C-alpha atoms as a PDB file:
ATOM      1  CA  MET A   1     185.195-132.599 -51.069  1.00  0.00           C
ATOM      2  CA  ARG A   2     187.459-130.640 -53.443  1.00  0.00           C
ATOM      3  CA  CYS A   3     191.179-131.173 -53.949  1.00  0.00           C
ATOM      4  CA  SER A   4     193.819-128.681 -55.010  1.00  0.00           C
ATOM      5  CA  LEU A   5     196.342-129.619 -57.674  1.00  0.00           C
ATOM      6  CA  VAL A   6     199.279-127.828 -59.219  1.00  0.00           C
ATOM      7  CA  LEU A   7     199.984-128.508 -62.886  1.00  0.00           C
ATOM      8  CA  GLY A   8     203.280-127.949 -64.663  1.00  0.00           C
ATOM      9  CA  VAL A   9     202.785-127.702 -68.442  1.00  0.00           C
ATOM     10  CA  MET A  10     205.269-127.567 -71.316  1.00  0.00           C
ATOM     11  CA  SER A  11     205.049-127.910 -75.093  1.00  0.00           C
ATOM     12  CA  GLU A  12     206.096-126.433 -78.382  1.00  0.00           C
ATOM     13  CA  ASP A  13     204.321-123.078 -78.593  1.00  0.00           C
ATOM     14  CA  HIS A  14     201.211-123.104 -80.773  1.00  0.00           C
ATOM     15  CA  PRO A  15     197.652-121.761 -80.654  1.00  0.00           C
ATOM     16  CA  GLY A  16     195.125-123.746 -78.612  1.00  0.00           C
ATOM     17  CA  ILE A  17     197.227-124.935 -75.673  1.00  0.00           C
ATOM     18  CA  LEU A  18     195.166-123.118 -73.043  1.00  0.00           C
ATOM     19  CA  GLU A  19     191.893-124.042 -74.736  1.00  0.00           C
ATOM     20  CA  THR A  20     192.915-127.712 -74.566  1.00  0.00           C
ATOM     21  CA  LEU A  21     193.870-127.456 -70.882  1.00  0.00           C
ATOM     22  CA  SER A  22     190.755-125.534 -69.911  1.00  0.00           C
ATOM     23  CA  GLY A  23     188.613-128.075 -71.763  1.00  0.00           C
ATOM     24  CA  VAL A  24     190.007-130.945 -69.683  1.00  0.00           C
ATOM     25  CA  ILE A  25     189.656-128.941 -66.464  1.00  0.00           C
ATOM     26  CA  THR A  26     186.023-128.105 -67.240  1.00  0.00           C
ATOM     27  CA  ALA A  27     185.227-131.704 -68.231  1.00  0.00           C
ATOM     28  CA  TYR A  28     186.124-132.828 -64.700  1.00  0.00           C
ATOM     29  CA  ASP A  29     184.213-130.030 -62.929  1.00  0.00           C
ATOM     30  CA  GLY A  30     187.489-128.304 -62.172  1.00  0.00           C
ATOM     31  CA  GLU A  31     188.210-124.667 -61.539  1.00  0.00           C
ATOM     32  CA  TRP A  32     191.354-122.942 -62.840  1.00  0.00           C
ATOM     33  CA  THR A  33     192.324-120.831 -59.810  1.00  0.00           C
ATOM     34  CA  GLU A  34     195.738-119.330 -60.554  1.00  0.00           C
ATOM     35  CA  SER A  35     198.370-119.455 -63.272  1.00  0.00           C
ATOM     36  CA  LYS A  36     201.614-118.103 -64.655  1.00  0.00           C
ATOM     37  CA  MET A  37     202.450-118.753 -68.282  1.00  0.00           C
ATOM     38  CA  VAL A  38     205.313-117.800 -70.585  1.00  0.00           C
ATOM     39  CA  THR A  39     206.580-118.449 -74.080  1.00  0.00           C
ATOM     40  CA  MET A  40     210.333-118.507 -74.489  1.00  0.00           C
ATOM     41  CA  ALA A  41     212.575-119.803 -77.283  1.00  0.00           C
ATOM     42  CA  GLY A  42     209.592-121.297 -79.087  1.00  0.00           C
ATOM     43  CA  LYS A  43     208.433-123.249 -76.025  1.00  0.00           C
ATOM     44  CA  PHE A  44     205.319-122.718 -73.946  1.00  0.00           C
ATOM     45  CA  ALA A  45     205.641-123.287 -70.199  1.00  0.00           C
ATOM     46  CA  GLY A  46     203.137-122.744 -67.459  1.00  0.00           C
ATOM     47  CA  ILE A  47     202.180-123.544 -63.940  1.00  0.00           C
ATOM     48  CA  LEU A  48     198.639-123.411 -62.658  1.00  0.00           C
ATOM     49  CA  THR A  49     196.506-124.467 -59.756  1.00  0.00           C
ATOM     50  CA  VAL A  50     193.226-126.278 -60.173  1.00  0.00           C
ATOM     51  CA  GLU A  51     190.504-127.292 -57.743  1.00  0.00           C
ATOM     52  CA  LEU A  52     188.230-130.213 -58.543  1.00  0.00           C
ATOM     53  CA  PRO A  53     186.215-132.928 -56.812  1.00  0.00           C
ATOM     54  CA  CYS A  54     188.640-135.344 -55.151  1.00  0.00           C
ATOM     55  CA  GLY A  55     186.823-138.291 -56.725  1.00  0.00           C
ATOM     56  CA  GLU A  56     187.763-136.964 -60.180  1.00  0.00           C
ATOM     57  CA  GLN A  57     191.501-136.596 -59.472  1.00  0.00           C
ATOM     58  CA  GLN A  58     192.706-139.880 -61.009  1.00  0.00           C
ATOM     59  CA  ALA A  59     190.556-139.635 -64.149  1.00  0.00           C
ATOM     60  CA  PHE A  60     191.585-135.970 -64.531  1.00  0.00           C
ATOM     61  CA  THR A  61     195.273-136.872 -64.193  1.00  0.00           C
ATOM     62  CA  ASP A  62     194.878-139.674 -66.745  1.00  0.00           C
ATOM     63  CA  ALA A  63     193.191-137.276 -69.188  1.00  0.00           C
ATOM     64  CA  LEU A  64     196.040-134.773 -68.784  1.00  0.00           C
ATOM     65  CA  GLN A  65     198.651-137.491 -69.305  1.00  0.00           C
ATOM     66  CA  ALA A  66     196.888-138.485 -72.543  1.00  0.00           C
ATOM     67  CA  LEU A  67     197.639-134.974 -73.865  1.00  0.00           C
ATOM     68  CA  SER A  68     201.233-136.130 -74.373  1.00  0.00           C
ATOM     69  CA  GLU A  69     200.020-137.581 -77.682  1.00  0.00           C
ATOM     70  CA  GLN A  70     199.441-133.941 -78.731  1.00  0.00           C
ATOM     71  CA  GLY A  71     202.910-132.898 -77.542  1.00  0.00           C
ATOM     72  CA  LEU A  72     201.683-131.406 -74.259  1.00  0.00           C
ATOM     73  CA  LYS A  73     203.655-132.561 -71.212  1.00  0.00           C
ATOM     74  CA  VAL A  74     201.780-132.145 -67.931  1.00  0.00           C
ATOM     75  CA  ILE A  75     202.990-132.887 -64.410  1.00  0.00           C
ATOM     76  CA  VAL A  76     200.289-133.090 -61.718  1.00  0.00           C
ATOM     77  CA  GLU A  77     200.879-132.785 -57.976  1.00  0.00           C
ATOM     78  CA  ARG A  78     198.271-132.665 -55.222  1.00  0.00           C
ATOM     79  CA  ILE A  79     198.823-129.811 -52.812  1.00  0.00           C
ATOM     80  CA  GLN A  80     197.669-128.948 -49.343  1.00  0.00           C
ATOM     81  CA  ILE A  81     196.758-125.338 -48.748  1.00  0.00           C
ATOM     82  CA  HIS A  82     198.463-124.229 -45.534  1.00  0.00           C
ATOM     83  CA  SER A  83     198.065-120.997 -43.693  1.00  0.00           C
ATOM     84  CA  GLU A  84     201.314-119.233 -44.454  1.00  0.00           C
ATOM     85  CA  GLU A  85     203.687-117.778 -41.905  1.00  0.00           C
ATOM     86  CA  VAL A  86     203.326-114.021 -41.692  1.00  0.00           C
ATOM     87  CA  ALA A  87     205.701-112.665 -44.301  1.00  0.00           C
ATOM     88  CA  ARG A  88     206.295-109.268 -45.804  1.00  0.00           C
ATOM     89  CA  GLU A  89     206.404-108.897 -49.564  1.00  0.00           C
ATOM     90  CA  PHE A  90     209.315-106.990 -51.081  1.00  0.00           C
ATOM     91  CA  ARG A  91     210.616-106.366 -54.570  1.00  0.00           C
ATOM     92  CA  LEU A  92     214.272-106.888 -55.409  1.00  0.00           C
ATOM     93  CA  ASP A  93     215.685-105.219 -58.545  1.00  0.00           C
ATOM     94  CA  MET A  94     219.197-105.907 -59.862  1.00  0.00           C
ATOM     95  CA  VAL A  95     221.242-104.424 -62.698  1.00  0.00           C
ATOM     96  CA  GLY A  96     224.927-104.949 -63.392  1.00  0.00           C
ATOM     97  CA  GLN A  97     227.544-106.312 -65.693  1.00  0.00           C
ATOM     98  CA  ASP A  98     226.728-109.920 -66.514  1.00  0.00           C
ATOM     99  CA  ARG A  99     228.880-112.710 -65.177  1.00  0.00           C
ATOM    100  CA  PRO A 100     228.309-116.334 -64.162  1.00  0.00           C
ATOM    101  CA  GLY A 101     226.880-116.988 -60.690  1.00  0.00           C
ATOM    102  CA  ILE A 102     224.770-113.885 -60.000  1.00  0.00           C
ATOM    103  CA  ILE A 103     221.556-115.863 -59.407  1.00  0.00           C
ATOM    104  CA  ARG A 104     223.417-118.401 -57.263  1.00  0.00           C
ATOM    105  CA  GLU A 105     224.917-115.746 -54.997  1.00  0.00           C
ATOM    106  CA  ILE A 106     221.587-113.957 -54.549  1.00  0.00           C
ATOM    107  CA  THR A 107     219.700-117.185 -53.832  1.00  0.00           C
ATOM    108  CA  GLN A 108     222.334-118.289 -51.302  1.00  0.00           C
ATOM    109  CA  LEU A 109     221.680-115.077 -49.358  1.00  0.00           C
ATOM    110  CA  LEU A 110     217.916-115.606 -49.580  1.00  0.00           C
ATOM    111  CA  ALA A 111     218.265-119.193 -48.328  1.00  0.00           C
ATOM    112  CA  ARG A 112     220.289-118.085 -45.279  1.00  0.00           C
ATOM    113  CA  TYR A 113     217.335-115.940 -44.202  1.00  0.00           C
ATOM    114  CA  ASN A 114     214.659-118.482 -45.205  1.00  0.00           C
ATOM    115  CA  ILE A 115     213.263-115.986 -47.728  1.00  0.00           C
ATOM    116  CA  ASN A 116     210.873-117.370 -50.324  1.00  0.00           C
ATOM    117  CA  LEU A 117     211.511-116.274 -53.900  1.00  0.00           C
ATOM    118  CA  GLU A 118     207.933-115.906 -55.106  1.00  0.00           C
ATOM    119  CA  ALA A 119     208.720-114.758 -58.654  1.00  0.00           C
ATOM    120  CA  LEU A 120     211.847-114.025 -60.709  1.00  0.00           C
ATOM    121  CA  GLU A 121     212.274-112.447 -64.125  1.00  0.00           C
ATOM    122  CA  SER A 122     215.737-112.002 -65.615  1.00  0.00           C
ATOM    123  CA  ARG A 123     217.333-111.171 -68.926  1.00  0.00           C
ATOM    124  CA  ILE A 124     220.665-110.364 -70.515  1.00  0.00           C
ATOM    125  CA  GLU A 125     220.930-107.347 -72.824  1.00  0.00           C
ATOM    126  CA  SER A 126     223.506-104.969 -74.267  1.00  0.00           C
ATOM    127  CA  ALA A 127     223.962-101.605 -72.582  1.00  0.00           C
ATOM    128  CA  SER A 128     222.936 -98.837 -74.969  1.00  0.00           C
ATOM    129  CA  MET A 129     226.054 -96.677 -74.634  1.00  0.00           C
ATOM    130  CA  SER A 130     228.895 -99.052 -73.755  1.00  0.00           C
ATOM    131  CA  GLY A 131     227.674-102.239 -75.422  1.00  0.00           C
ATOM    132  CA  GLU A 132     228.675-104.293 -72.366  1.00  0.00           C
ATOM    133  CA  THR A 133     226.412-107.204 -71.465  1.00  0.00           C
ATOM    134  CA  LEU A 134     224.052-106.359 -68.615  1.00  0.00           C
ATOM    135  CA  PHE A 135     222.238-108.698 -66.273  1.00  0.00           C
ATOM    136  CA  ILE A 136     218.817-107.310 -65.327  1.00  0.00           C
ATOM    137  CA  ALA A 137     216.458-109.009 -62.908  1.00  0.00           C
ATOM    138  CA  SER A 138     213.481-108.330 -60.692  1.00  0.00           C
ATOM    139  CA  ALA A 139     212.086-110.611 -58.034  1.00  0.00           C
ATOM    140  CA  VAL A 140     209.229-110.746 -55.571  1.00  0.00           C
ATOM    141  CA  LEU A 141     210.371-111.930 -52.147  1.00  0.00           C
ATOM    142  CA  HIS A 142     208.390-113.081 -49.131  1.00  0.00           C
ATOM    143  CA  ILE A 143     210.519-112.181 -46.135  1.00  0.00           C
ATOM    144  CA  PRO A 144     209.620-113.820 -42.808  1.00  0.00           C
ATOM    145  CA  ALA A 145     208.505-111.406 -40.103  1.00  0.00           C
ATOM    146  CA  ALA A 146     211.402-112.514 -37.884  1.00  0.00           C
ATOM    147  CA  VAL A 147     214.043-111.252 -40.357  1.00  0.00           C
ATOM    148  CA  GLU A 148     215.559-107.907 -39.387  1.00  0.00           C
ATOM    149  CA  LEU A 149     215.334-105.783 -42.512  1.00  0.00           C
ATOM    150  CA  ALA A 150     218.277-103.506 -41.671  1.00  0.00           C
ATOM    151  CA  GLN A 151     220.635-106.490 -41.395  1.00  0.00           C
ATOM    152  CA  LEU A 152     219.275-107.981 -44.613  1.00  0.00           C
ATOM    153  CA  GLN A 153     219.700-104.662 -46.427  1.00  0.00           C
ATOM    154  CA  ASP A 154     223.310-104.449 -45.203  1.00  0.00           C
ATOM    155  CA  GLU A 155     224.032-107.936 -46.554  1.00  0.00           C
ATOM    156  CA  PHE A 156     222.422-107.096 -49.901  1.00  0.00           C
ATOM    157  CA  GLU A 157     224.573-103.958 -50.155  1.00  0.00           C
ATOM    158  CA  GLU A 158     227.735-105.914 -49.294  1.00  0.00           C
ATOM    159  CA  LEU A 159     226.886-108.546 -51.896  1.00  0.00           C
ATOM    160  CA  ALA A 160     226.096-105.858 -54.484  1.00  0.00           C
ATOM    161  CA  ASN A 161     229.523-104.297 -53.945  1.00  0.00           C
ATOM    162  CA  GLU A 162     231.275-107.673 -54.292  1.00  0.00           C
ATOM    163  CA  MET A 163     229.376-108.507 -57.482  1.00  0.00           C
ATOM    164  CA  MET A 164     229.430-104.937 -58.858  1.00  0.00           C
ATOM    165  CA  VAL A 165     225.654-105.069 -59.298  1.00  0.00           C
ATOM    166  CA  ASP A 166     223.109-102.442 -58.272  1.00  0.00           C
ATOM    167  CA  ILE A 167     220.561-104.018 -55.940  1.00  0.00           C
ATOM    168  CA  LYS A 168     217.435-102.271 -54.702  1.00  0.00           C
ATOM    169  CA  LEU A 169     215.129-103.787 -52.086  1.00  0.00           C
ATOM    170  CA  SER A 170     211.747-102.067 -51.757  1.00  0.00           C
ATOM    171  CA  ASP A 171     208.317-102.815 -50.348  1.00  0.00           C
END
């Protein structure tokens, strides 16, 4: 029987991180099934899913924990794969003058509708003409089938007006 695990990984960025991880995964007859990785501010961070024989889980976890001696922090959690509720995937794009609380206000709206934020990328940059600081973000949302899209769109537009941010919801 095979088990599914999710790994959270963080370290100083340097060559060989993924080779080290994949070596441990392979040594325990594991399969790297999905991942998202990023380097930011000199740090490497990633999340990945692995499947391996359930009998190897403890030894595999111990081997990953031993990587801390090399500066690689790994968190391991066993996961159960569930059939997901039917959800529609949408993209949310935002641009506006930066100010504290934008992410909080957007995520509060998502939580009210039980919308899963599948992915989020955001950055702050200077506007080319005015020099003002802009907040720019894009997100992938999984919206439950029961959510009425017209009502959700109305609430996004109302929130965009309050925050003075352009928000676009598209499928």
